[in-house]
Amino acid sequence: MRTRWIAAAALLIAAFAAGRLWADQPHMRAALDHLRAAHRELDQALNDKGGHRVKAMALVSDAIAEVEKGAVYDRRH
C-alpha cells in the first residue's frame, strides 16, 4: 500500500513539473504535440515506402527530442 502511495505522489510531482515546464512555452508544446501525432500517423501507415517511412519516423523522433531539449534549455537559461 505504501508503494502505491509513493508511486502516486511521484506521478503527481512529475505531472506538476511537466506542466510548469510547458506553461510558458505554448508554441513549443504545440510543436511537440504535432510531432507526436505525426509519429503516430507514420507508425500506422502501411508498407515501408522504400524505407522513407522508417527514415521519416527516425527524423520525427529526433525532432521530438530536440524540442524537449530546447524547452528544458529555455527554462534553465
N, C-alpha and C. Protein backbone atom coordinates (compact mmCIF):
# COMPACT_ATOMS: atom_id res chain seq x y z
N MET A 1 0.82 -1.19 0.00
CA MET A 1 0.00 0.00 0.00
C MET A 1 0.87 1.26 0.00
N ARG A 2 1.93 1.24 0.78
CA ARG A 2 2.81 2.40 0.84
C ARG A 2 3.49 2.64 -0.50
N THR A 3 3.85 1.58 -1.20
CA THR A 3 4.49 1.70 -2.51
C THR A 3 3.56 2.39 -3.50
N ARG A 4 2.29 2.05 -3.46
CA ARG A 4 1.32 2.69 -4.35
C ARG A 4 1.20 4.18 -4.04
N TRP A 5 1.21 4.53 -2.77
CA TRP A 5 1.11 5.93 -2.38
C TRP A 5 2.33 6.71 -2.87
N ILE A 6 3.50 6.12 -2.73
CA ILE A 6 4.74 6.76 -3.18
C ILE A 6 4.71 6.92 -4.70
N ALA A 7 4.27 5.89 -5.41
CA ALA A 7 4.19 5.96 -6.86
C ALA A 7 3.20 7.04 -7.30
N ALA A 8 2.06 7.12 -6.63
CA ALA A 8 1.07 8.14 -6.97
C ALA A 8 1.61 9.54 -6.70
N ALA A 9 2.30 9.71 -5.59
CA ALA A 9 2.88 11.01 -5.27
C ALA A 9 3.94 11.39 -6.29
N ALA A 10 4.76 10.45 -6.69
CA ALA A 10 5.80 10.72 -7.69
C ALA A 10 5.17 11.11 -9.02
N LEU A 11 4.09 10.45 -9.39
CA LEU A 11 3.39 10.77 -10.63
C LEU A 11 2.82 12.18 -10.58
N LEU A 12 2.23 12.56 -9.48
CA LEU A 12 1.68 13.91 -9.33
C LEU A 12 2.77 14.97 -9.40
N ILE A 13 3.88 14.71 -8.76
CA ILE A 13 5.00 15.65 -8.79
C ILE A 13 5.54 15.79 -10.21
N ALA A 14 5.68 14.68 -10.91
CA ALA A 14 6.18 14.72 -12.29
C ALA A 14 5.21 15.47 -13.19
N ALA A 15 3.91 15.24 -13.00
CA ALA A 15 2.91 15.95 -13.81
C ALA A 15 2.95 17.45 -13.54
N PHE A 16 3.10 17.82 -12.29
CA PHE A 16 3.20 19.23 -11.92
C PHE A 16 4.42 19.87 -12.56
N ALA A 17 5.57 19.18 -12.47
CA ALA A 17 6.81 19.71 -13.05
C ALA A 17 6.68 19.83 -14.56
N ALA A 18 6.09 18.86 -15.21
CA ALA A 18 5.90 18.92 -16.66
C ALA A 18 4.99 20.08 -17.03
N GLY A 19 3.95 20.29 -16.27
CA GLY A 19 3.05 21.41 -16.52
C GLY A 19 3.75 22.74 -16.41
N ARG A 20 4.61 22.89 -15.42
CA ARG A 20 5.38 24.14 -15.26
C ARG A 20 6.37 24.32 -16.39
N LEU A 21 6.96 23.22 -16.85
CA LEU A 21 7.94 23.29 -17.92
C LEU A 21 7.32 23.87 -19.19
N TRP A 22 6.09 23.50 -19.47
CA TRP A 22 5.45 23.90 -20.72
C TRP A 22 4.52 25.09 -20.57
N ALA A 23 4.25 25.54 -19.37
CA ALA A 23 3.26 26.59 -19.15
C ALA A 23 3.56 27.86 -19.92
N ASP A 24 4.81 28.24 -19.99
CA ASP A 24 5.16 29.49 -20.65
C ASP A 24 5.75 29.26 -22.05
N GLN A 25 5.53 28.08 -22.62
CA GLN A 25 6.05 27.75 -23.94
C GLN A 25 4.97 27.12 -24.81
N PRO A 26 3.90 27.84 -25.08
CA PRO A 26 2.77 27.23 -25.80
C PRO A 26 3.13 26.79 -27.21
N HIS A 27 4.03 27.49 -27.88
CA HIS A 27 4.38 27.10 -29.25
C HIS A 27 5.25 25.84 -29.27
N MET A 28 6.14 25.73 -28.30
CA MET A 28 6.95 24.52 -28.21
C MET A 28 6.06 23.32 -27.87
N ARG A 29 5.10 23.54 -26.98
CA ARG A 29 4.17 22.47 -26.61
C ARG A 29 3.35 22.04 -27.82
N ALA A 30 2.86 23.02 -28.58
CA ALA A 30 2.06 22.70 -29.77
C ALA A 30 2.90 21.94 -30.79
N ALA A 31 4.14 22.38 -30.98
CA ALA A 31 5.02 21.68 -31.92
C ALA A 31 5.25 20.24 -31.48
N LEU A 32 5.46 20.05 -30.20
CA LEU A 32 5.67 18.71 -29.67
C LEU A 32 4.43 17.84 -29.88
N ASP A 33 3.27 18.39 -29.62
CA ASP A 33 2.02 17.64 -29.84
C ASP A 33 1.88 17.23 -31.30
N HIS A 34 2.18 18.15 -32.22
CA HIS A 34 2.08 17.86 -33.66
C HIS A 34 3.10 16.81 -34.09
N LEU A 35 4.30 16.92 -33.57
CA LEU A 35 5.32 15.93 -33.91
C LEU A 35 4.94 14.54 -33.42
N ARG A 36 4.42 14.47 -32.21
CA ARG A 36 3.99 13.16 -31.69
C ARG A 36 2.84 12.59 -32.51
N ALA A 37 1.92 13.44 -32.94
CA ALA A 37 0.82 12.99 -33.79
C ALA A 37 1.36 12.49 -35.14
N ALA A 38 2.32 13.22 -35.69
CA ALA A 38 2.93 12.80 -36.95
C ALA A 38 3.61 11.44 -36.81
N HIS A 39 4.29 11.25 -35.70
CA HIS A 39 4.97 9.97 -35.47
C HIS A 39 3.96 8.83 -35.39
N ARG A 40 2.84 9.06 -34.71
CA ARG A 40 1.79 8.03 -34.62
C ARG A 40 1.22 7.71 -36.00
N GLU A 41 0.99 8.74 -36.81
CA GLU A 41 0.46 8.52 -38.16
C GLU A 41 1.44 7.73 -39.02
N LEU A 42 2.70 8.09 -38.96
CA LEU A 42 3.71 7.35 -39.72
C LEU A 42 3.79 5.90 -39.26
N ASP A 43 3.66 5.68 -37.97
CA ASP A 43 3.72 4.33 -37.42
C ASP A 43 2.57 3.47 -37.92
N GLN A 44 1.43 4.10 -38.14
CA GLN A 44 0.24 3.36 -38.59
C GLN A 44 0.15 3.22 -40.11
N ALA A 45 1.01 3.93 -40.84
CA ALA A 45 0.99 3.85 -42.30
C ALA A 45 1.34 2.44 -42.76
N LEU A 46 0.75 2.05 -43.85
CA LEU A 46 1.00 0.73 -44.41
C LEU A 46 2.26 0.73 -45.26
N ASN A 47 2.90 -0.40 -45.30
CA ASN A 47 4.10 -0.61 -46.09
C ASN A 47 5.25 0.27 -45.62
N ASP A 48 6.41 0.05 -46.22
CA ASP A 48 7.61 0.75 -45.78
C ASP A 48 7.90 1.97 -46.64
N LYS A 49 7.31 2.05 -47.81
CA LYS A 49 7.51 3.18 -48.73
C LYS A 49 8.99 3.31 -49.13
N GLY A 50 9.62 2.18 -49.40
CA GLY A 50 11.02 2.20 -49.84
C GLY A 50 11.99 2.65 -48.77
N GLY A 51 11.63 2.50 -47.51
CA GLY A 51 12.49 2.90 -46.41
C GLY A 51 12.27 4.34 -45.97
N HIS A 52 11.49 5.10 -46.72
CA HIS A 52 11.27 6.51 -46.40
C HIS A 52 10.41 6.70 -45.16
N ARG A 53 9.44 5.82 -44.95
CA ARG A 53 8.58 5.92 -43.75
C ARG A 53 9.41 5.74 -42.50
N VAL A 54 10.26 4.73 -42.50
CA VAL A 54 11.10 4.46 -41.33
C VAL A 54 12.07 5.61 -41.10
N LYS A 55 12.65 6.15 -42.16
CA LYS A 55 13.57 7.27 -42.01
C LYS A 55 12.82 8.50 -41.49
N ALA A 56 11.61 8.72 -42.00
CA ALA A 56 10.81 9.86 -41.52
C ALA A 56 10.49 9.70 -40.04
N MET A 57 10.18 8.49 -39.61
CA MET A 57 9.90 8.25 -38.20
C MET A 57 11.13 8.57 -37.34
N ALA A 58 12.30 8.19 -37.82
CA ALA A 58 13.53 8.48 -37.08
C ALA A 58 13.77 9.99 -37.00
N LEU A 59 13.54 10.68 -38.10
CA LEU A 59 13.74 12.13 -38.10
C LEU A 59 12.74 12.83 -37.18
N VAL A 60 11.50 12.36 -37.18
CA VAL A 60 10.50 12.95 -36.29
C VAL A 60 10.87 12.67 -34.83
N SER A 61 11.36 11.48 -34.55
CA SER A 61 11.82 11.17 -33.19
C SER A 61 12.94 12.10 -32.77
N ASP A 62 13.87 12.37 -33.70
CA ASP A 62 14.95 13.31 -33.40
C ASP A 62 14.40 14.70 -33.14
N ALA A 63 13.41 15.11 -33.94
CA ALA A 63 12.81 16.44 -33.76
C ALA A 63 12.11 16.54 -32.40
N ILE A 64 11.43 15.48 -32.00
CA ILE A 64 10.77 15.46 -30.69
C ILE A 64 11.81 15.66 -29.59
N ALA A 65 12.91 14.93 -29.69
CA ALA A 65 13.96 15.05 -28.68
C ALA A 65 14.54 16.47 -28.65
N GLU A 66 14.72 17.09 -29.81
CA GLU A 66 15.27 18.44 -29.86
C GLU A 66 14.31 19.46 -29.26
N VAL A 67 13.02 19.32 -29.52
CA VAL A 67 12.03 20.24 -28.93
C VAL A 67 12.04 20.10 -27.41
N GLU A 68 12.09 18.87 -26.93
CA GLU A 68 12.13 18.65 -25.48
C GLU A 68 13.39 19.27 -24.87
N LYS A 69 14.53 19.07 -25.53
CA LYS A 69 15.79 19.66 -25.03
C LYS A 69 15.73 21.18 -25.07
N GLY A 70 15.14 21.73 -26.12
CA GLY A 70 15.02 23.18 -26.23
C GLY A 70 14.18 23.77 -25.13
N ALA A 71 13.10 23.10 -24.78
CA ALA A 71 12.23 23.58 -23.71
C ALA A 71 12.96 23.55 -22.38
N VAL A 72 13.70 22.49 -22.12
CA VAL A 72 14.47 22.39 -20.88
C VAL A 72 15.55 23.46 -20.85
N TYR A 73 16.24 23.67 -21.96
CA TYR A 73 17.28 24.70 -22.03
C TYR A 73 16.69 26.07 -21.72
N ASP A 74 15.54 26.37 -22.32
CA ASP A 74 14.92 27.68 -22.11
C ASP A 74 14.56 27.91 -20.65
N ARG A 75 14.15 26.87 -19.96
CA ARG A 75 13.78 27.00 -18.55
C ARG A 75 15.01 27.24 -17.69
N ARG A 76 16.17 26.78 -18.12
CA ARG A 76 17.39 26.91 -17.31
C ARG A 76 18.20 28.16 -17.61
N HIS A 77 17.90 28.83 -18.72
CA HIS A 77 18.72 29.99 -19.11
C HIS A 77 17.90 31.24 -19.25
